[in-house]
Structures are given as C-alpha cells and as structure tokens.
Full PDB file with SEQRES, HELIX, SHEET, SSBOND, CRYST1, ORIGX, SCALE, CONECT and MASTER records, all heavy atoms in Angstrom:
SEQRES   1 A   30  ALA GLN TRP ALA GLY ALA VAL GLY ASP VAL ASP GLY HIS          
SEQRES   2 A   30  ARG LYS ALA ALA GLU GLN PHE ALA ARG ARG THR LEU LEU          
SEQRES   3 A   30  PRO LEU LEU ALA                                              
HELIX    1 AA1 VAL A   10  PHE A   20  1                                  11    
HELIX    2 AA2 ALA A   21  LEU A   25  3                                   5    
HELIX    3 AA3 LEU A   26  LEU A   29  1                                   4    
CRYST1    1.000    1.000    1.000  90.00  90.00  90.00 P 1           1          
ORIGX1      1.000000  0.000000  0.000000        0.00000                         
ORIGX2      0.000000  1.000000  0.000000        0.00000                         
ORIGX3      0.000000  0.000000  1.000000        0.00000                         
SCALE1      1.000000  0.000000  0.000000        0.00000                         
SCALE2      0.000000  1.000000  0.000000        0.00000                         
SCALE3      0.000000  0.000000  1.000000        0.00000                         
ATOM      1  N   ALA A   1       0.785  -1.203   0.001  1.00  0.00           N  
ATOM      2  CA  ALA A   1       0.023   0.076   0.055  1.00  0.00           C  
ATOM      3  C   ALA A   1       0.850   1.244  -0.043  1.00  0.00           C  
ATOM      4  O   ALA A   1       2.012   1.228   0.444  1.00  0.00           O  
ATOM      5  CB  ALA A   1      -0.999  -0.041   1.241  1.00  0.00           C  
ATOM      6  N   GLN A   2       0.254   2.403  -0.580  1.00  0.00           N  
ATOM      7  CA  GLN A   2       0.856   3.637  -0.216  1.00  0.00           C  
ATOM      8  C   GLN A   2       0.280   4.018   1.082  1.00  0.00           C  
ATOM      9  O   GLN A   2      -0.951   4.372   1.186  1.00  0.00           O  
ATOM     10  CB  GLN A   2       0.428   4.634  -1.384  1.00  0.00           C  
ATOM     11  CG  GLN A   2       1.005   4.180  -2.773  1.00  0.00           C  
ATOM     12  CD  GLN A   2       2.503   4.338  -2.700  1.00  0.00           C  
ATOM     13  OE1 GLN A   2       3.059   5.345  -2.292  1.00  0.00           O  
ATOM     14  NE2 GLN A   2       3.143   3.298  -3.334  1.00  0.00           N  
ATOM     15  N   TRP A   3       1.137   4.206   2.015  1.00  0.00           N  
ATOM     16  CA  TRP A   3       0.609   4.445   3.488  1.00  0.00           C  
ATOM     17  C   TRP A   3      -0.268   5.690   3.714  1.00  0.00           C  
ATOM     18  O   TRP A   3       0.172   6.726   3.188  1.00  0.00           O  
ATOM     19  CB  TRP A   3       1.859   4.375   4.367  1.00  0.00           C  
ATOM     20  CG  TRP A   3       2.611   3.264   4.457  1.00  0.00           C  
ATOM     21  CD1 TRP A   3       3.723   2.875   3.757  1.00  0.00           C  
ATOM     22  CD2 TRP A   3       2.179   1.944   5.196  1.00  0.00           C  
ATOM     23  NE1 TRP A   3       4.108   1.554   4.030  1.00  0.00           N  
ATOM     24  CE2 TRP A   3       3.111   0.997   4.975  1.00  0.00           C  
ATOM     25  CE3 TRP A   3       1.113   1.705   6.048  1.00  0.00           C  
ATOM     26  CZ2 TRP A   3       3.241  -0.279   5.466  1.00  0.00           C  
ATOM     27  CZ3 TRP A   3       1.110   0.332   6.589  1.00  0.00           C  
ATOM     28  CH2 TRP A   3       2.160  -0.686   6.259  1.00  0.00           C  
ATOM     29  N   ALA A   4      -1.421   5.476   4.220  1.00  0.00           N  
ATOM     30  CA  ALA A   4      -2.159   6.662   4.579  1.00  0.00           C  
ATOM     31  C   ALA A   4      -1.737   7.496   5.731  1.00  0.00           C  
ATOM     32  O   ALA A   4      -2.115   8.547   6.005  1.00  0.00           O  
ATOM     33  CB  ALA A   4      -3.654   6.203   4.962  1.00  0.00           C  
ATOM     34  N   GLY A   5      -0.844   6.989   6.501  1.00  0.00           N  
ATOM     35  CA  GLY A   5      -0.279   7.656   7.632  1.00  0.00           C  
ATOM     36  C   GLY A   5       1.223   7.274   7.809  1.00  0.00           C  
ATOM     37  O   GLY A   5       1.960   7.245   6.761  1.00  0.00           O  
ATOM     38  N   ALA A   6       1.594   6.942   8.941  1.00  0.00           N  
ATOM     39  CA  ALA A   6       2.961   6.605   9.269  1.00  0.00           C  
ATOM     40  C   ALA A   6       3.377   5.364   8.421  1.00  0.00           C  
ATOM     41  O   ALA A   6       2.586   4.403   8.516  1.00  0.00           O  
ATOM     42  CB  ALA A   6       3.348   6.536  10.590  1.00  0.00           C  
ATOM     43  N   VAL A   7       4.576   5.253   7.927  1.00  0.00           N  
ATOM     44  CA  VAL A   7       4.916   4.108   7.204  1.00  0.00           C  
ATOM     45  C   VAL A   7       5.062   2.960   8.307  1.00  0.00           C  
ATOM     46  O   VAL A   7       5.657   3.042   9.428  1.00  0.00           O  
ATOM     47  CB  VAL A   7       6.353   4.158   6.634  1.00  0.00           C  
ATOM     48  CG1 VAL A   7       6.899   2.887   5.996  1.00  0.00           C  
ATOM     49  CG2 VAL A   7       6.191   5.261   5.471  1.00  0.00           C  
ATOM     50  N   GLY A   8       4.498   1.794   7.971  1.00  0.00           N  
ATOM     51  CA  GLY A   8       4.527   0.571   8.852  1.00  0.00           C  
ATOM     52  C   GLY A   8       3.375   0.569   9.853  1.00  0.00           C  
ATOM     53  O   GLY A   8       3.055  -0.342  10.503  1.00  0.00           O  
ATOM     54  N   ASP A   9       2.588   1.545   9.839  1.00  0.00           N  
ATOM     55  CA  ASP A   9       1.304   1.541  10.912  1.00  0.00           C  
ATOM     56  C   ASP A   9       0.145   0.818  10.074  1.00  0.00           C  
ATOM     57  O   ASP A   9      -0.730   1.722   9.510  1.00  0.00           O  
ATOM     58  CB  ASP A   9       1.096   3.019  11.179  1.00  0.00           C  
ATOM     59  CG  ASP A   9      -0.049   3.212  12.223  1.00  0.00           C  
ATOM     60  OD1 ASP A   9      -0.586   2.067  12.761  1.00  0.00           O  
ATOM     61  OD2 ASP A   9      -0.424   4.240  12.638  1.00  0.00           O  
ATOM     62  N   VAL A  10      -0.043  -0.363  10.263  1.00  0.00           N  
ATOM     63  CA  VAL A  10      -1.033  -1.048   9.561  1.00  0.00           C  
ATOM     64  C   VAL A  10      -2.520  -0.668  10.249  1.00  0.00           C  
ATOM     65  O   VAL A  10      -3.425  -0.421   9.430  1.00  0.00           O  
ATOM     66  CB  VAL A  10      -0.951  -2.647   9.632  1.00  0.00           C  
ATOM     67  CG1 VAL A  10      -2.076  -3.386   9.165  1.00  0.00           C  
ATOM     68  CG2 VAL A  10       0.273  -3.062   9.006  1.00  0.00           C  
ATOM     69  N   ASP A  11      -2.543  -0.447  11.570  1.00  0.00           N  
ATOM     70  CA  ASP A  11      -3.660  -0.119  12.129  1.00  0.00           C  
ATOM     71  C   ASP A  11      -4.166   1.293  11.625  1.00  0.00           C  
ATOM     72  O   ASP A  11      -5.466   1.584  11.517  1.00  0.00           O  
ATOM     73  CB  ASP A  11      -3.492  -0.103  13.740  1.00  0.00           C  
ATOM     74  CG  ASP A  11      -4.831  -0.261  14.481  1.00  0.00           C  
ATOM     75  OD1 ASP A  11      -5.764  -0.985  14.039  1.00  0.00           O  
ATOM     76  OD2 ASP A  11      -4.996   0.564  15.334  1.00  0.00           O  
ATOM     77  N   GLY A  12      -3.295   2.315  11.644  1.00  0.00           N  
ATOM     78  CA  GLY A  12      -3.558   3.573  11.178  1.00  0.00           C  
ATOM     79  C   GLY A  12      -4.121   3.566   9.688  1.00  0.00           C  
ATOM     80  O   GLY A  12      -4.978   4.250   9.405  1.00  0.00           O  
ATOM     81  N   HIS A  13      -3.447   2.755   8.986  1.00  0.00           N  
ATOM     82  CA  HIS A  13      -3.957   2.661   7.494  1.00  0.00           C  
ATOM     83  C   HIS A  13      -5.315   2.064   7.421  1.00  0.00           C  
ATOM     84  O   HIS A  13      -6.110   2.518   6.586  1.00  0.00           O  
ATOM     85  CB  HIS A  13      -2.889   1.821   6.773  1.00  0.00           C  
ATOM     86  CG  HIS A  13      -3.108   1.762   5.279  1.00  0.00           C  
ATOM     87  ND1 HIS A  13      -2.741   2.667   4.497  1.00  0.00           N  
ATOM     88  CD2 HIS A  13      -3.637   0.750   4.499  1.00  0.00           C  
ATOM     89  CE1 HIS A  13      -2.974   2.358   3.093  1.00  0.00           C  
ATOM     90  NE2 HIS A  13      -3.506   1.224   3.225  1.00  0.00           N  
ATOM     91  N   ARG A  14      -5.521   1.096   8.153  1.00  0.00           N  
ATOM     92  CA  ARG A  14      -6.804   0.328   8.186  1.00  0.00           C  
ATOM     93  C   ARG A  14      -7.929   1.486   8.641  1.00  0.00           C  
ATOM     94  O   ARG A  14      -8.990   1.501   8.117  1.00  0.00           O  
ATOM     95  CB  ARG A  14      -6.826  -0.727   9.153  1.00  0.00           C  
ATOM     96  CG  ARG A  14      -8.169  -1.443   9.315  1.00  0.00           C  
ATOM     97  CD  ARG A  14      -8.027  -2.596  10.222  1.00  0.00           C  
ATOM     98  NE  ARG A  14      -7.468  -2.381  11.516  1.00  0.00           N  
ATOM     99  CZ  ARG A  14      -8.255  -1.981  12.530  1.00  0.00           C  
ATOM    100  NH1 ARG A  14      -9.548  -1.970  12.435  1.00  0.00           N  
ATOM    101  NH2 ARG A  14      -7.789  -1.821  13.737  1.00  0.00           N  
ATOM    102  N   LYS A  15      -7.678   2.206   9.696  1.00  0.00           N  
ATOM    103  CA  LYS A  15      -8.710   3.199  10.218  1.00  0.00           C  
ATOM    104  C   LYS A  15      -8.870   4.285   9.196  1.00  0.00           C  
ATOM    105  O   LYS A  15      -9.999   4.869   8.994  1.00  0.00           O  
ATOM    106  CB  LYS A  15      -8.219   3.724  11.515  1.00  0.00           C  
ATOM    107  CG  LYS A  15      -8.374   2.670  12.632  1.00  0.00           C  
ATOM    108  CD  LYS A  15      -7.851   3.236  13.972  1.00  0.00           C  
ATOM    109  CE  LYS A  15      -7.884   2.076  15.093  1.00  0.00           C  
ATOM    110  NZ  LYS A  15      -7.549   2.655  16.336  1.00  0.00           N  
ATOM    111  N   ALA A  16      -7.827   4.754   8.533  1.00  0.00           N  
ATOM    112  CA  ALA A  16      -8.021   5.716   7.400  1.00  0.00           C  
ATOM    113  C   ALA A  16      -8.929   5.166   6.256  1.00  0.00           C  
ATOM    114  O   ALA A  16      -9.785   5.811   5.716  1.00  0.00           O  
ATOM    115  CB  ALA A  16      -6.753   6.202   6.842  1.00  0.00           C  
ATOM    116  N   ALA A  17      -8.831   3.875   6.040  1.00  0.00           N  
ATOM    117  CA  ALA A  17      -9.625   3.185   4.939  1.00  0.00           C  
ATOM    118  C   ALA A  17     -11.005   3.116   5.415  1.00  0.00           C  
ATOM    119  O   ALA A  17     -11.860   3.136   4.589  1.00  0.00           O  
ATOM    120  CB  ALA A  17      -8.979   1.809   4.673  1.00  0.00           C  
ATOM    121  N   GLU A  18     -11.299   2.869   6.732  1.00  0.00           N  
ATOM    122  CA  GLU A  18     -12.676   2.904   7.200  1.00  0.00           C  
ATOM    123  C   GLU A  18     -13.354   4.131   6.847  1.00  0.00           C  
ATOM    124  O   GLU A  18     -14.499   4.314   6.287  1.00  0.00           O  
ATOM    125  CB  GLU A  18     -12.611   2.724   8.634  1.00  0.00           C  
ATOM    126  CG  GLU A  18     -12.168   1.301   9.031  1.00  0.00           C  
ATOM    127  CD  GLU A  18     -12.255   1.162  10.627  1.00  0.00           C  
ATOM    128  OE1 GLU A  18     -12.660   2.072  11.319  1.00  0.00           O  
ATOM    129  OE2 GLU A  18     -11.783   0.124  11.015  1.00  0.00           O  
ATOM    130  N   GLN A  19     -12.616   5.398   7.076  1.00  0.00           N  
ATOM    131  CA  GLN A  19     -13.245   6.617   6.850  1.00  0.00           C  
ATOM    132  C   GLN A  19     -13.455   6.914   5.313  1.00  0.00           C  
ATOM    133  O   GLN A  19     -14.420   7.448   4.983  1.00  0.00           O  
ATOM    134  CB  GLN A  19     -12.315   7.734   7.447  1.00  0.00           C  
ATOM    135  CG  GLN A  19     -12.245   7.703   9.041  1.00  0.00           C  
ATOM    136  CD  GLN A  19     -13.743   7.785   9.674  1.00  0.00           C  
ATOM    137  OE1 GLN A  19     -14.537   8.667   9.376  1.00  0.00           O  
ATOM    138  NE2 GLN A  19     -13.848   6.868  10.586  1.00  0.00           N  
ATOM    139  N   PHE A  20     -12.352   6.490   4.657  1.00  0.00           N  
ATOM    140  CA  PHE A  20     -12.495   6.573   3.154  1.00  0.00           C  
ATOM    141  C   PHE A  20     -13.714   5.775   2.640  1.00  0.00           C  
ATOM    142  O   PHE A  20     -14.454   6.304   1.687  1.00  0.00           O  
ATOM    143  CB  PHE A  20     -11.148   6.144   2.493  1.00  0.00           C  
ATOM    144  CG  PHE A  20     -11.276   6.094   1.066  1.00  0.00           C  
ATOM    145  CD1 PHE A  20     -10.924   7.271   0.203  1.00  0.00           C  
ATOM    146  CD2 PHE A  20     -11.578   4.932   0.295  1.00  0.00           C  
ATOM    147  CE1 PHE A  20     -10.960   7.245  -1.243  1.00  0.00           C  
ATOM    148  CE2 PHE A  20     -11.535   4.964  -1.049  1.00  0.00           C  
ATOM    149  CZ  PHE A  20     -11.242   6.221  -1.816  1.00  0.00           C  
ATOM    150  N   ALA A  21     -13.829   4.588   3.090  1.00  0.00           N  
ATOM    151  CA  ALA A  21     -14.982   3.703   2.597  1.00  0.00           C  
ATOM    152  C   ALA A  21     -16.291   4.395   2.782  1.00  0.00           C  
ATOM    153  O   ALA A  21     -17.237   4.363   1.997  1.00  0.00           O  
ATOM    154  CB  ALA A  21     -14.951   2.447   3.259  1.00  0.00           C  
ATOM    155  N   ARG A  22     -16.461   5.035   3.985  1.00  0.00           N  
ATOM    156  CA  ARG A  22     -17.931   5.687   4.319  1.00  0.00           C  
ATOM    157  C   ARG A  22     -18.008   6.998   3.709  1.00  0.00           C  
ATOM    158  O   ARG A  22     -19.110   7.322   3.043  1.00  0.00           O  
ATOM    159  CB  ARG A  22     -17.945   5.793   5.897  1.00  0.00           C  
ATOM    160  CG  ARG A  22     -18.241   4.526   6.690  1.00  0.00           C  
ATOM    161  CD  ARG A  22     -18.350   4.901   8.085  1.00  0.00           C  
ATOM    162  NE  ARG A  22     -19.147   3.830   8.779  1.00  0.00           N  
ATOM    163  CZ  ARG A  22     -19.044   3.499  10.130  1.00  0.00           C  
ATOM    164  NH1 ARG A  22     -18.074   4.290  10.827  1.00  0.00           N  
ATOM    165  NH2 ARG A  22     -19.729   2.677  10.628  1.00  0.00           N  
ATOM    166  N   ARG A  23     -16.936   7.729   3.661  1.00  0.00           N  
ATOM    167  CA  ARG A  23     -17.122   9.150   3.197  1.00  0.00           C  
ATOM    168  C   ARG A  23     -16.778   9.411   1.702  1.00  0.00           C  
ATOM    169  O   ARG A  23     -17.277  10.488   1.194  1.00  0.00           O  
ATOM    170  CB  ARG A  23     -16.292  10.033   4.044  1.00  0.00           C  
ATOM    171  CG  ARG A  23     -16.699  10.021   5.608  1.00  0.00           C  
ATOM    172  CD  ARG A  23     -15.790  10.862   6.331  1.00  0.00           C  
ATOM    173  NE  ARG A  23     -16.051  10.903   7.833  1.00  0.00           N  
ATOM    174  CZ  ARG A  23     -15.396  11.441   8.825  1.00  0.00           C  
ATOM    175  NH1 ARG A  23     -14.362  12.241   8.414  1.00  0.00           N  
ATOM    176  NH2 ARG A  23     -15.923  11.459  10.043  1.00  0.00           N  
ATOM    177  N   THR A  24     -16.133   8.496   1.173  1.00  0.00           N  
ATOM    178  CA  THR A  24     -15.696   8.764  -0.219  1.00  0.00           C  
ATOM    179  C   THR A  24     -16.195   7.639  -1.121  1.00  0.00           C  
ATOM    180  O   THR A  24     -16.781   7.975  -2.255  1.00  0.00           O  
ATOM    181  CB  THR A  24     -14.267   8.971  -0.433  1.00  0.00           C  
ATOM    182  OG1 THR A  24     -13.748   9.950   0.461  1.00  0.00           O  
ATOM    183  CG2 THR A  24     -13.872   9.338  -1.811  1.00  0.00           C  
ATOM    184  N   LEU A  25     -15.850   6.287  -0.821  1.00  0.00           N  
ATOM    185  CA  LEU A  25     -16.145   5.304  -1.727  1.00  0.00           C  
ATOM    186  C   LEU A  25     -17.666   5.022  -1.909  1.00  0.00           C  
ATOM    187  O   LEU A  25     -18.061   4.829  -3.067  1.00  0.00           O  
ATOM    188  CB  LEU A  25     -15.381   3.912  -1.142  1.00  0.00           C  
ATOM    189  CG  LEU A  25     -15.701   2.701  -1.992  1.00  0.00           C  
ATOM    190  CD1 LEU A  25     -15.243   2.914  -3.368  1.00  0.00           C  
ATOM    191  CD2 LEU A  25     -15.016   1.525  -1.383  1.00  0.00           C  
ATOM    192  N   LEU A  26     -18.281   4.879  -0.854  1.00  0.00           N  
ATOM    193  CA  LEU A  26     -19.812   4.850  -0.950  1.00  0.00           C  
ATOM    194  C   LEU A  26     -20.608   5.824  -1.854  1.00  0.00           C  
ATOM    195  O   LEU A  26     -21.340   5.536  -2.717  1.00  0.00           O  
ATOM    196  CB  LEU A  26     -20.533   4.707   0.417  1.00  0.00           C  
ATOM    197  CG  LEU A  26     -20.883   3.160   0.925  1.00  0.00           C  
ATOM    198  CD1 LEU A  26     -21.316   3.249   2.262  1.00  0.00           C  
ATOM    199  CD2 LEU A  26     -21.662   2.437  -0.003  1.00  0.00           C  
ATOM    200  N   PRO A  27     -20.361   7.170  -1.567  1.00  0.00           N  
ATOM    201  CA  PRO A  27     -20.871   8.190  -2.307  1.00  0.00           C  
ATOM    202  C   PRO A  27     -20.356   8.079  -3.786  1.00  0.00           C  
ATOM    203  O   PRO A  27     -21.259   8.177  -4.846  1.00  0.00           O  
ATOM    204  CB  PRO A  27     -20.191   9.504  -1.729  1.00  0.00           C  
ATOM    205  CG  PRO A  27     -20.034   9.200  -0.425  1.00  0.00           C  
ATOM    206  CD  PRO A  27     -19.593   7.769  -0.413  1.00  0.00           C  
ATOM    207  N   LEU A  28     -19.250   7.677  -4.092  1.00  0.00           N  
ATOM    208  CA  LEU A  28     -18.887   7.364  -5.520  1.00  0.00           C  
ATOM    209  C   LEU A  28     -19.634   6.448  -6.177  1.00  0.00           C  
ATOM    210  O   LEU A  28     -20.188   6.497  -7.234  1.00  0.00           O  
ATOM    211  CB  LEU A  28     -17.345   6.983  -5.601  1.00  0.00           C  
ATOM    212  CG  LEU A  28     -16.881   6.450  -7.000  1.00  0.00           C  
ATOM    213  CD1 LEU A  28     -16.657   7.613  -8.029  1.00  0.00           C  
ATOM    214  CD2 LEU A  28     -15.584   5.607  -6.784  1.00  0.00           C  
ATOM    215  N   LEU A  29     -19.774   5.195  -5.615  1.00  0.00           N  
ATOM    216  CA  LEU A  29     -20.601   4.175  -6.053  1.00  0.00           C  
ATOM    217  C   LEU A  29     -22.125   4.535  -6.230  1.00  0.00           C  
ATOM    218  O   LEU A  29     -22.676   4.085  -7.179  1.00  0.00           O  
ATOM    219  CB  LEU A  29     -20.412   2.919  -5.130  1.00  0.00           C  
ATOM    220  CG  LEU A  29     -19.010   2.310  -4.964  1.00  0.00           C  
ATOM    221  CD1 LEU A  29     -18.993   1.164  -4.097  1.00  0.00           C  
ATOM    222  CD2 LEU A  29     -18.428   1.940  -6.315  1.00  0.00           C  
ATOM    223  N   ALA A  30     -22.522   5.189  -5.255  1.00  0.00           N  
ATOM    224  CA  ALA A  30     -24.023   5.641  -5.213  1.00  0.00           C  
ATOM    225  C   ALA A  30     -24.190   6.573  -6.395  1.00  0.00           C  
ATOM    226  O   ALA A  30     -25.371   6.493  -7.016  1.00  0.00           O  
ATOM    227  CB  ALA A  30     -24.362   6.237  -3.843  1.00  0.00           C  
TER     228      ALA A  30                                                      
MASTER        0    0    0    3    0    0    0    6  227    1    0    3          
END                                                                             
C-alpha cells in the first residue's frame, strides 16, 4: 500500500480506509 499515515502503521492505514470507505467510496458508487 501507499501508506495513509506513518509508514508501517497497519492499524492507522486500516482506520483511514474505514473513513474513506464511508465518506468517499460509498458516495462514488452511489
């Protein structure tokens, strides 16, 4: 992945993906 936060922070990357999924991905698909 291209890290969404600090390099190596899997948990931070995952939580950023949660926000992206709700706020950006779903509206795009809708």
